[in-house]
């Protein structure tokens, strides 16, 4: 259960964070302007969001497996 919650939380963060103002005002971007132009590129933002989508999918699969195992066990 803990793995599913972690994957869900991390996935949602990775999906949403690249499209917020927090992503634009980054400590590393302030240190190196070349990094700033790279991490603010839409393809990089999309790739990070894609990793988030994969994490959420993994969480949903894990939750589905837990629910199916719970439904398969007989109750006394």
Foldseek 3Di string as FASTA:
>chain_A
DVLLVVLLVQLVCQQPVLPDVDQQPDPVCVVDVVVNVVSNDPVNSVVSNVSSVVSNVVSVVVVVVVVVVVVPDDDD
